[in-house]
Amino acid sequence: MNLLFIAWRNFRYRALSSFLTTLSLMLGVGLVVMVMAIYGIISEAFVRNAAVGYNLVVGPRGSALQLTLNSVYYLSQPIENLPFTEYMEFFPAEERAKMVREFGGDPKLGERDGVYAGFVGDGYAIPLALGDYFGEFRVVGTIPDFFEKLRHGPEVDQPFTFSEGRALQSYNDENQYFECVMGSRVAAQSGMKVGDVMKPTHGDPEGKGHGQGFTVVGVLAPTGTPNDRAVFVNLEGFYLLEGHAKPIEDDAVIKLPERDPDDTRPPLLMIPEREVTSILVRNGNIMHAPGMQNRINESGRAQAAAPIGEINKLMSVIVGPLLSALLVITLITCVVAAFGVLVAIYNSMNDRRRDIAVMRALGARRGSVTWVILFESLIIAIIGGAAGWLLAHVAIYSAGTFIEQQTGVQVGLFSVSQFEWLLLPFVLVLSLMAGIVPAMAAYRTDVGSNLSA
């Protein structure tokens, strides 16, 4: 009779014991697979969300990681603010002079190129102004270029699209400077739609509400980036909110903005009154990025951080070790489950000594009896390992919609993490090792004494 078939008959004969042993191994394997999947999802989410088209984030001096978390993921609190003149350093003299004419400020600002203008070239510099909230979500003051020039997606080549409405504009007669765009998660959770008025609170979710509201003109289609959980408002409207203007120093040299007498638009903040939280920068020639980054960091006024580099540091220094420790704990769970296999089979040996003695008396060799026990251990490993793997993937797939909403990572039923293929061979080897002790006990079974018992 086939040895594997005999092992299968033994497995079925001890149904309850076999089921419980297999269940413990299944749960251990499932736990390991889920930890591996979570690690992969977190890694992919962080790296993908850090790749949105720009290569540098510029902000006040301090923690580069905090600057990245604040500007890219809208987490943490801003370190400080930068004067608007630091943002102007990314533009040539012509555009700087235009800003002076439009907003008002020191005329000398428009007489030279910005210090970093040559590094930017055909790229872009997009300002962000943070500090307000809409419920639990961050309100981000920015310019229309944010939606026109930034990209997202696995290849960072997908433009922003809108499930409803359009991007905000610099100015229009209907809403003036007070337009906003909702991220997909914000709109879904708040129930806001195009035409509604969003009123931010100052400083924190429970802060004082601003009297001025912003008309919702668009809802972003899901992007799988932190932009899904942010509200974007016109930068000029953000500046006009109460408490957002920086006091002008008494010795400041100011040229008033040039205005048409018939212009009915609200007066804008002048350059000395303006601040930005951070600046998203894309170099026209990516080879210029290291030079510009060094130049900014040596200036003493600001710092430049590479988002992907900072996130890789976060993953390797903080998140990675934590997940690795969790993975070790789950692997120990598998080892404990393997000991369960050993104990279950070994404890059954007393009940099977006579059966083994009969097999030997009928001509079965010691090696054949040993292989029956090892095959039984292997059956438990295959069923438990495969069931645990499938159970984990079904659980992850069932939570796929939630995972995609939170991280932007799409999870398929058979999405496999990097080292997952090594798990089943590991479990098989572990179970075979666990079967060695009871197999050796079967090998040493004395035929005469057990037949006469």
Protein backbone atom coordinates (compact mmCIF):
# COMPACT_ATOMS: atom_id res chain seq x y z
CA MET A 1 0.00 0.00 0.00
CA ASN A 2 1.29 3.51 -0.83
CA LEU A 3 3.00 5.13 2.18
CA LEU A 4 1.46 8.55 1.46
CA PHE A 5 -2.00 6.96 1.39
CA ILE A 6 -1.35 5.32 4.76
CA ALA A 7 -0.28 8.68 6.18
CA TRP A 8 -3.49 10.23 4.81
CA ARG A 9 -5.56 7.47 6.45
CA ASN A 10 -3.83 8.16 9.78
CA PHE A 11 -4.54 11.88 9.35
CA ARG A 12 -8.24 11.23 8.74
CA TYR A 13 -8.49 8.60 11.51
CA ARG A 14 -7.40 11.19 14.11
CA ALA A 15 -9.69 13.85 12.61
CA LEU A 16 -10.13 16.11 15.64
CA SER A 17 -6.47 16.10 16.66
CA SER A 18 -5.38 16.59 13.03
CA PHE A 19 -7.85 19.45 12.54
CA LEU A 20 -6.72 21.33 15.65
CA THR A 21 -3.04 20.87 14.80
CA THR A 22 -3.62 22.02 11.22
CA LEU A 23 -5.69 24.98 12.45
CA SER A 24 -2.88 26.23 14.70
CA LEU A 25 -0.42 26.04 11.82
CA MET A 26 -2.91 27.73 9.46
CA LEU A 27 -3.38 30.67 11.84
CA GLY A 28 0.38 31.06 12.24
CA VAL A 29 0.99 31.08 8.49
CA GLY A 30 -1.94 33.46 7.93
CA LEU A 31 -0.55 35.88 10.50
CA VAL A 32 2.89 35.87 8.85
CA VAL A 33 1.37 36.47 5.38
CA MET A 34 -0.73 39.38 6.67
CA VAL A 35 2.30 41.02 8.31
CA MET A 36 4.27 40.65 5.06
CA ALA A 37 1.35 42.13 3.12
CA ILE A 38 1.00 45.06 5.54
CA TYR A 39 4.72 45.78 5.26
CA GLY A 40 4.45 45.78 1.46
CA ILE A 41 1.37 48.00 1.47
CA ILE A 42 2.93 50.53 3.85
CA SER A 43 6.18 50.63 1.87
CA GLU A 44 4.41 51.06 -1.46
CA ALA A 45 2.05 53.70 -0.07
CA PHE A 46 4.86 55.83 1.39
CA VAL A 47 7.08 55.61 -1.67
CA ARG A 48 4.25 56.12 -4.18
CA ASN A 49 2.81 59.08 -2.28
CA ALA A 50 6.23 60.72 -2.11
CA ALA A 51 6.49 60.60 -5.91
CA VAL A 52 4.11 63.29 -7.19
CA GLY A 53 6.21 65.06 -9.78
CA TYR A 54 8.35 67.45 -7.76
CA ASN A 55 11.81 66.44 -6.58
CA LEU A 56 12.43 68.88 -3.72
CA VAL A 57 10.44 70.42 -0.90
CA VAL A 58 11.76 73.73 0.42
CA GLY A 59 10.80 75.06 3.83
CA PRO A 60 12.12 76.62 7.05
CA ARG A 61 15.22 75.16 8.64
CA GLY A 62 14.62 72.28 11.03
CA SER A 63 13.75 68.63 10.57
CA ALA A 64 13.79 67.56 6.92
CA LEU A 65 11.54 64.61 7.78
CA GLN A 66 9.00 66.86 9.48
CA LEU A 67 9.06 69.17 6.47
CA THR A 68 8.36 66.18 4.20
CA LEU A 69 5.57 64.78 6.36
CA ASN A 70 3.97 68.20 6.63
CA SER A 71 4.23 69.24 2.97
CA VAL A 72 3.80 65.89 1.18
CA TYR A 73 1.52 63.95 3.53
CA TYR A 74 -0.13 66.88 5.37
CA LEU A 75 0.91 65.31 8.67
CA SER A 76 2.61 66.90 11.66
CA GLN A 77 2.69 70.64 12.20
CA PRO A 78 4.60 73.22 10.13
CA ILE A 79 8.05 74.02 11.48
CA GLU A 80 7.67 77.72 10.77
CA ASN A 81 6.93 79.85 7.73
CA LEU A 82 9.17 81.32 5.06
CA PRO A 83 8.87 84.94 3.90
CA PHE A 84 7.30 85.27 0.46
CA THR A 85 10.56 86.74 -0.80
CA GLU A 86 12.14 83.27 -0.40
CA TYR A 87 9.55 81.91 -2.81
CA MET A 88 10.38 84.74 -5.22
CA GLU A 89 14.01 83.51 -5.37
CA PHE A 90 12.89 80.75 -7.75
CA PHE A 91 11.81 83.21 -10.47
CA PRO A 92 13.63 85.41 -12.98
CA ALA A 93 13.64 89.21 -12.70
CA GLU A 94 10.71 89.69 -15.08
CA GLU A 95 8.34 87.57 -13.02
CA ARG A 96 9.62 89.05 -9.76
CA ALA A 97 8.93 92.55 -11.05
CA LYS A 98 5.42 91.46 -12.04
CA MET A 99 4.81 90.27 -8.47
CA VAL A 100 5.95 93.62 -7.10
CA ARG A 101 3.59 95.49 -9.45
CA GLU A 102 0.66 93.21 -8.58
CA PHE A 103 1.12 92.85 -4.82
CA GLY A 104 3.30 95.78 -3.78
CA GLY A 105 6.69 95.60 -2.10
CA ASP A 106 10.30 96.68 -2.37
CA PRO A 107 10.96 97.68 -6.03
CA LYS A 108 14.49 96.28 -5.77
CA LEU A 109 13.04 92.76 -5.63
CA GLY A 110 12.20 93.01 -9.32
CA GLU A 111 15.62 94.26 -10.41
CA ARG A 112 17.43 90.91 -10.32
CA ASP A 113 16.89 87.23 -11.00
CA GLY A 114 16.07 84.99 -8.10
CA VAL A 115 19.02 83.15 -6.58
CA TYR A 116 17.62 79.76 -7.60
CA ALA A 117 15.93 80.77 -10.87
CA GLY A 118 18.74 79.30 -12.97
CA PHE A 119 18.38 75.92 -11.26
CA VAL A 120 14.63 75.72 -11.89
CA GLY A 121 14.73 76.49 -15.62
CA ASP A 122 11.66 74.98 -17.28
CA GLY A 123 10.50 73.40 -14.02
CA TYR A 124 8.21 74.96 -11.48
CA ALA A 125 7.94 76.22 -7.90
CA ILE A 126 4.52 75.89 -6.26
CA PRO A 127 3.86 77.49 -2.85
CA LEU A 128 1.88 75.89 -0.04
CA ALA A 129 0.35 77.75 2.91
CA LEU A 130 -0.88 75.61 5.80
CA GLY A 131 -2.41 76.30 9.17
CA ASP A 132 -6.17 75.89 8.80
CA TYR A 133 -8.45 72.85 8.99
CA PHE A 134 -11.78 71.67 7.72
CA GLY A 135 -12.82 69.17 10.36
CA GLU A 136 -9.93 66.73 10.67
CA PHE A 137 -8.57 67.58 7.21
CA ARG A 138 -5.86 70.07 6.35
CA VAL A 139 -6.65 73.19 4.34
CA VAL A 140 -3.88 73.91 1.82
CA GLY A 141 -3.50 77.33 0.24
CA THR A 142 -1.94 77.05 -3.21
CA ILE A 143 -2.14 78.23 -6.83
CA PRO A 144 -3.83 76.71 -9.93
CA ASP A 145 -0.43 75.36 -11.10
CA PHE A 146 -0.78 72.73 -8.38
CA PHE A 147 -3.45 70.96 -10.44
CA GLU A 148 -1.95 71.75 -13.82
CA LYS A 149 1.69 70.77 -13.30
CA LEU A 150 1.78 68.08 -10.62
CA ARG A 151 1.37 64.44 -11.60
CA HIS A 152 0.63 61.21 -9.71
CA GLY A 153 0.30 57.47 -10.31
CA PRO A 154 2.83 54.60 -10.42
CA GLU A 155 4.71 56.25 -13.31
CA VAL A 156 4.07 59.80 -12.05
CA ASP A 157 2.45 60.68 -15.37
CA GLN A 158 -1.25 60.98 -14.53
CA PRO A 159 -2.74 64.48 -14.32
CA PHE A 160 -5.34 65.39 -11.72
CA THR A 161 -8.90 64.78 -12.86
CA PHE A 162 -12.18 65.77 -11.27
CA SER A 163 -15.12 63.57 -10.41
CA GLU A 164 -17.12 66.77 -10.18
CA GLY A 165 -16.47 70.38 -11.18
CA ARG A 166 -13.10 71.91 -12.04
CA ALA A 167 -9.84 73.23 -10.62
CA LEU A 168 -9.78 76.49 -8.69
CA GLN A 169 -8.93 79.70 -10.55
CA SER A 170 -6.76 82.65 -9.61
CA TYR A 171 -9.75 84.97 -9.76
CA ASN A 172 -13.23 85.17 -11.24
CA ASP A 173 -16.12 87.56 -10.80
CA GLU A 174 -18.41 84.92 -9.31
CA ASN A 175 -16.30 83.72 -6.38
CA GLN A 176 -13.44 86.26 -6.49
CA TYR A 177 -10.47 84.70 -4.63
CA PHE A 178 -12.53 82.33 -2.52
CA GLU A 179 -12.66 79.01 -4.35
CA CYS A 180 -11.66 75.57 -3.11
CA VAL A 181 -11.24 72.01 -4.36
CA MET A 182 -12.07 68.99 -2.18
CA GLY A 183 -9.99 65.81 -2.08
CA SER A 184 -12.05 62.68 -2.76
CA ARG A 185 -11.99 61.42 0.83
CA VAL A 186 -12.89 64.83 2.23
CA ALA A 187 -15.88 65.13 -0.07
CA ALA A 188 -17.04 61.57 0.66
CA GLN A 189 -16.76 61.96 4.41
CA SER A 190 -18.16 65.48 4.69
CA GLY A 191 -20.85 65.16 2.03
CA MET A 192 -19.72 68.45 0.45
CA LYS A 193 -20.36 68.95 -3.26
CA VAL A 194 -19.82 71.60 -5.91
CA GLY A 195 -21.62 74.81 -4.96
CA ASP A 196 -21.39 74.29 -1.20
CA VAL A 197 -19.41 76.69 0.99
CA MET A 198 -16.50 75.40 3.07
CA LYS A 199 -15.55 77.42 6.17
CA PRO A 200 -12.12 76.58 7.62
CA THR A 201 -11.07 76.80 11.25
CA HIS A 202 -7.85 78.47 12.32
CA GLY A 203 -4.91 76.56 13.79
CA ASP A 204 -6.52 73.18 14.60
CA PRO A 205 -9.72 71.20 13.96
CA GLU A 206 -11.37 72.76 17.03
CA GLY A 207 -9.99 76.25 16.40
CA LYS A 208 -11.83 79.49 15.79
CA GLY A 209 -13.79 79.52 12.57
CA HIS A 210 -13.04 82.09 9.89
CA GLY A 211 -16.04 84.14 8.90
CA GLN A 212 -15.12 83.94 5.23
CA GLY A 213 -16.05 80.75 3.36
CA PHE A 214 -14.76 79.21 0.14
CA THR A 215 -17.08 77.96 -2.59
CA VAL A 216 -16.44 74.35 -3.60
CA VAL A 217 -15.80 74.37 -7.38
CA GLY A 218 -14.37 70.87 -7.78
CA VAL A 219 -13.96 67.42 -6.24
CA LEU A 220 -10.79 65.52 -7.13
CA ALA A 221 -11.10 62.02 -8.51
CA PRO A 222 -9.33 59.52 -6.20
CA THR A 223 -5.56 59.68 -6.68
CA GLY A 224 -4.26 57.32 -4.01
CA THR A 225 -2.14 60.17 -2.62
CA PRO A 226 -2.46 62.38 0.48
CA ASN A 227 -4.23 64.91 -1.76
CA ASP A 228 -7.36 62.79 -1.35
CA ARG A 229 -7.59 63.95 2.26
CA ALA A 230 -6.93 67.66 1.85
CA VAL A 231 -8.90 70.78 0.94
CA PHE A 232 -7.19 73.15 -1.51
CA VAL A 233 -8.03 76.84 -1.47
CA ASN A 234 -6.89 79.78 -3.55
CA LEU A 235 -3.66 81.12 -2.03
CA GLU A 236 -4.86 84.72 -2.34
CA GLY A 237 -8.07 83.89 -0.51
CA PHE A 238 -6.06 82.10 2.17
CA TYR A 239 -3.97 85.24 2.69
CA LEU A 240 -7.10 87.39 3.06
CA LEU A 241 -8.43 85.35 5.99
CA GLU A 242 -8.26 86.90 9.43
CA GLY A 243 -4.94 86.32 11.20
CA HIS A 244 -3.04 85.24 8.09
CA ALA A 245 -1.27 88.53 7.35
CA LYS A 246 2.24 89.03 8.71
CA PRO A 247 2.73 92.45 10.37
CA ILE A 248 4.79 94.85 8.27
CA GLU A 249 7.99 96.10 9.87
CA ASP A 250 8.24 99.86 10.32
CA ASP A 251 11.41 100.17 8.22
CA ALA A 252 10.08 98.08 5.31
CA VAL A 253 10.45 99.68 1.85
CA ILE A 254 7.16 99.28 0.05
CA LYS A 255 5.88 100.25 -3.35
CA LEU A 256 2.09 100.10 -3.44
CA PRO A 257 0.55 97.78 -6.02
CA GLU A 258 -0.53 99.19 -9.35
CA ARG A 259 -4.35 99.14 -9.47
CA ASP A 260 -6.86 100.30 -12.03
CA PRO A 261 -9.24 102.86 -10.47
CA ASP A 262 -12.15 100.80 -11.78
CA ASP A 263 -10.81 97.55 -10.27
CA THR A 264 -13.39 96.29 -7.74
CA ARG A 265 -11.37 93.30 -6.54
CA PRO A 266 -10.49 93.09 -2.83
CA PRO A 267 -7.00 94.50 -2.14
CA LEU A 268 -4.40 91.72 -1.87
CA LEU A 269 -1.74 91.29 0.79
CA MET A 270 1.53 93.01 -0.01
CA ILE A 271 4.75 91.00 -0.30
CA PRO A 272 6.01 91.87 3.23
CA GLU A 273 2.71 90.57 4.64
CA ARG A 274 2.96 87.21 2.87
CA GLU A 275 4.44 83.93 4.07
CA VAL A 276 4.56 80.41 2.68
CA THR A 277 4.83 77.18 4.64
CA SER A 278 6.79 75.33 1.97
CA ILE A 279 7.56 75.26 -1.75
CA LEU A 280 7.28 72.26 -4.08
CA VAL A 281 10.08 72.46 -6.63
CA ARG A 282 10.67 70.59 -9.87
CA ASN A 283 13.94 71.25 -11.71
CA GLY A 284 13.66 71.54 -15.48
CA ASN A 285 16.90 69.56 -15.63
CA ILE A 286 16.95 67.02 -12.81
CA MET A 287 20.76 67.14 -12.82
CA HIS A 288 20.50 70.62 -11.29
CA ALA A 289 18.65 69.33 -8.22
CA PRO A 290 21.72 68.45 -6.05
CA GLY A 291 23.34 71.81 -6.73
CA MET A 292 20.19 73.74 -5.88
CA GLN A 293 19.62 71.64 -2.78
CA ASN A 294 23.13 72.39 -1.53
CA ARG A 295 22.75 76.09 -2.36
CA ILE A 296 19.48 76.34 -0.42
CA ASN A 297 20.82 74.41 2.58
CA GLU A 298 23.90 76.63 2.71
CA SER A 299 21.85 79.83 2.58
CA GLY A 300 20.99 79.71 6.28
CA ARG A 301 17.43 80.85 5.57
CA ALA A 302 15.77 77.66 4.34
CA GLN A 303 16.31 73.95 3.76
CA ALA A 304 15.57 71.67 0.83
CA ALA A 305 14.59 68.04 1.31
CA ALA A 306 14.20 65.25 -1.24
CA PRO A 307 10.85 63.61 -0.28
CA ILE A 308 11.68 60.11 -1.53
CA GLY A 309 15.03 60.15 0.29
CA GLU A 310 13.41 61.23 3.56
CA ILE A 311 10.70 58.58 3.28
CA ASN A 312 13.31 55.88 2.59
CA LYS A 313 15.10 57.00 5.75
CA LEU A 314 11.83 56.81 7.69
CA MET A 315 11.19 53.30 6.38
CA SER A 316 14.72 52.06 7.09
CA VAL A 317 15.22 53.70 10.48
CA ILE A 318 11.77 53.63 12.12
CA VAL A 319 9.01 51.78 10.25
CA GLY A 320 11.18 48.99 8.87
CA PRO A 321 12.61 47.80 12.21
CA LEU A 322 9.16 47.87 13.84
CA LEU A 323 7.65 45.76 11.08
CA SER A 324 10.68 43.47 11.10
CA ALA A 325 10.22 42.90 14.84
CA LEU A 326 6.55 42.11 14.25
CA LEU A 327 7.53 39.69 11.48
CA VAL A 328 9.96 37.89 13.82
CA ILE A 329 7.18 37.52 16.38
CA THR A 330 4.85 36.02 13.80
CA LEU A 331 7.58 33.64 12.58
CA ILE A 332 7.96 32.51 16.19
CA THR A 333 4.23 31.79 16.07
CA CYS A 334 4.90 29.45 13.15
CA VAL A 335 7.66 27.72 15.12
CA VAL A 336 5.28 27.26 18.06
CA ALA A 337 2.69 25.81 15.67
CA ALA A 338 5.36 23.40 14.37
CA PHE A 339 5.99 22.27 17.93
CA GLY A 340 2.25 21.65 18.11
CA VAL A 341 2.63 19.31 15.14
CA LEU A 342 5.44 17.52 16.95
CA VAL A 343 3.48 17.15 20.19
CA ALA A 344 0.27 16.03 18.46
CA ILE A 345 1.97 13.30 16.42
CA TYR A 346 4.25 12.22 19.26
CA ASN A 347 1.34 11.90 21.69
CA SER A 348 -0.49 9.71 19.18
CA MET A 349 2.44 7.29 19.07
CA ASN A 350 1.32 5.44 22.21
CA ASP A 351 -2.01 4.69 20.52
CA ARG A 352 -0.28 3.51 17.35
CA ARG A 353 2.54 1.35 18.67
CA ARG A 354 0.54 -1.83 18.13
CA ASP A 355 -0.44 -0.72 14.60
CA ILE A 356 3.21 -0.04 13.82
CA ALA A 357 4.20 -3.42 15.24
CA VAL A 358 1.61 -5.12 13.02
CA MET A 359 2.95 -3.25 9.97
CA ARG A 360 6.46 -4.42 10.84
CA ALA A 361 5.28 -8.00 11.35
CA LEU A 362 3.64 -7.93 7.91
CA GLY A 363 6.94 -6.98 6.32
CA ALA A 364 7.14 -3.17 6.50
CA ARG A 365 10.69 -1.93 6.96
CA ARG A 366 11.72 0.53 9.68
CA GLY A 367 12.35 3.18 7.01
CA SER A 368 8.83 2.78 5.61
CA VAL A 369 7.27 3.32 9.04
CA THR A 370 9.45 6.40 9.53
CA TRP A 371 8.33 7.88 6.21
CA VAL A 372 4.66 7.34 7.08
CA ILE A 373 5.09 9.60 10.13
CA LEU A 374 7.06 12.18 8.15
CA PHE A 375 4.42 12.18 5.39
CA GLU A 376 1.73 12.77 8.02
CA SER A 377 3.63 15.80 9.26
CA LEU A 378 4.02 16.95 5.64
CA ILE A 379 0.25 16.64 5.02
CA ILE A 380 -0.45 18.86 8.03
CA ALA A 381 2.09 21.40 6.75
CA ILE A 382 0.69 21.51 3.20
CA ILE A 383 -2.95 21.82 4.28
CA GLY A 384 -2.22 24.27 7.10
CA GLY A 385 0.20 26.37 5.05
CA ALA A 386 -2.02 26.59 1.96
CA ALA A 387 -5.15 27.30 4.01
CA GLY A 388 -3.34 29.98 6.04
CA TRP A 389 -2.01 31.64 2.90
CA LEU A 390 -5.44 31.62 1.27
CA LEU A 391 -7.17 32.84 4.44
CA ALA A 392 -4.78 35.79 4.74
CA HIS A 393 -5.25 36.80 1.10
CA VAL A 394 -9.04 36.55 1.35
CA ALA A 395 -8.94 38.78 4.45
CA ILE A 396 -6.69 41.34 2.73
CA TYR A 397 -8.81 41.28 -0.43
CA SER A 398 -11.98 41.76 1.64
CA ALA A 399 -10.44 44.91 3.09
CA GLY A 400 -9.22 46.04 -0.36
CA THR A 401 -11.64 48.96 -0.68
CA PHE A 402 -10.68 50.33 2.74
CA ILE A 403 -6.95 49.83 2.03
CA GLU A 404 -7.23 51.67 -1.29
CA GLN A 405 -9.12 54.55 0.30
CA GLN A 406 -6.54 54.91 3.05
CA THR A 407 -3.33 54.29 1.11
CA GLY A 408 -4.15 54.36 -2.59
CA VAL A 409 -2.68 50.87 -2.99
CA GLN A 410 -4.87 48.46 -4.97
CA VAL A 411 -4.80 44.94 -3.51
CA GLY A 412 -5.73 41.90 -5.59
CA LEU A 413 -6.71 38.48 -4.25
CA PHE A 414 -3.34 37.04 -5.26
CA SER A 415 -1.13 40.11 -4.76
CA VAL A 416 2.04 38.60 -3.34
CA SER A 417 4.62 40.41 -1.22
CA GLN A 418 8.34 40.21 -1.90
CA PHE A 419 9.38 37.27 0.31
CA GLU A 420 6.02 35.51 0.54
CA TRP A 421 7.04 32.70 -1.82
CA LEU A 422 9.66 31.60 0.71
CA LEU A 423 7.09 31.06 3.45
CA LEU A 424 5.54 27.76 2.32
CA PRO A 425 8.92 26.00 1.79
CA PHE A 426 9.93 27.31 5.24
CA VAL A 427 6.77 25.82 6.79
CA LEU A 428 7.31 22.49 5.01
CA VAL A 429 10.89 22.22 6.25
CA LEU A 430 9.83 23.26 9.75
CA SER A 431 7.07 20.61 9.84
CA LEU A 432 9.38 17.89 8.54
CA MET A 433 11.84 18.78 11.29
CA ALA A 434 8.99 18.62 13.81
CA GLY A 435 8.09 15.15 12.51
CA ILE A 436 11.60 13.76 13.04
CA VAL A 437 11.15 13.08 16.78
CA PRO A 438 7.91 11.05 16.47
CA ALA A 439 9.32 9.39 13.33
CA MET A 440 12.37 8.23 15.30
CA ALA A 441 10.06 6.94 18.04
CA ALA A 442 8.22 4.91 15.39
CA TYR A 443 11.56 3.69 14.03
CA ARG A 444 12.57 2.34 17.45
CA THR A 445 9.22 0.62 18.13
CA ASP A 446 9.84 -2.95 19.38
CA VAL A 447 7.72 -5.47 17.42
CA GLY A 448 7.65 -8.32 19.95
CA SER A 449 6.68 -6.37 23.08
CA ASN A 450 3.96 -4.35 21.32
CA LEU A 451 2.37 -7.40 19.61
CA SER A 452 2.15 -9.28 22.93
CA ALA A 453 0.80 -6.27 24.83
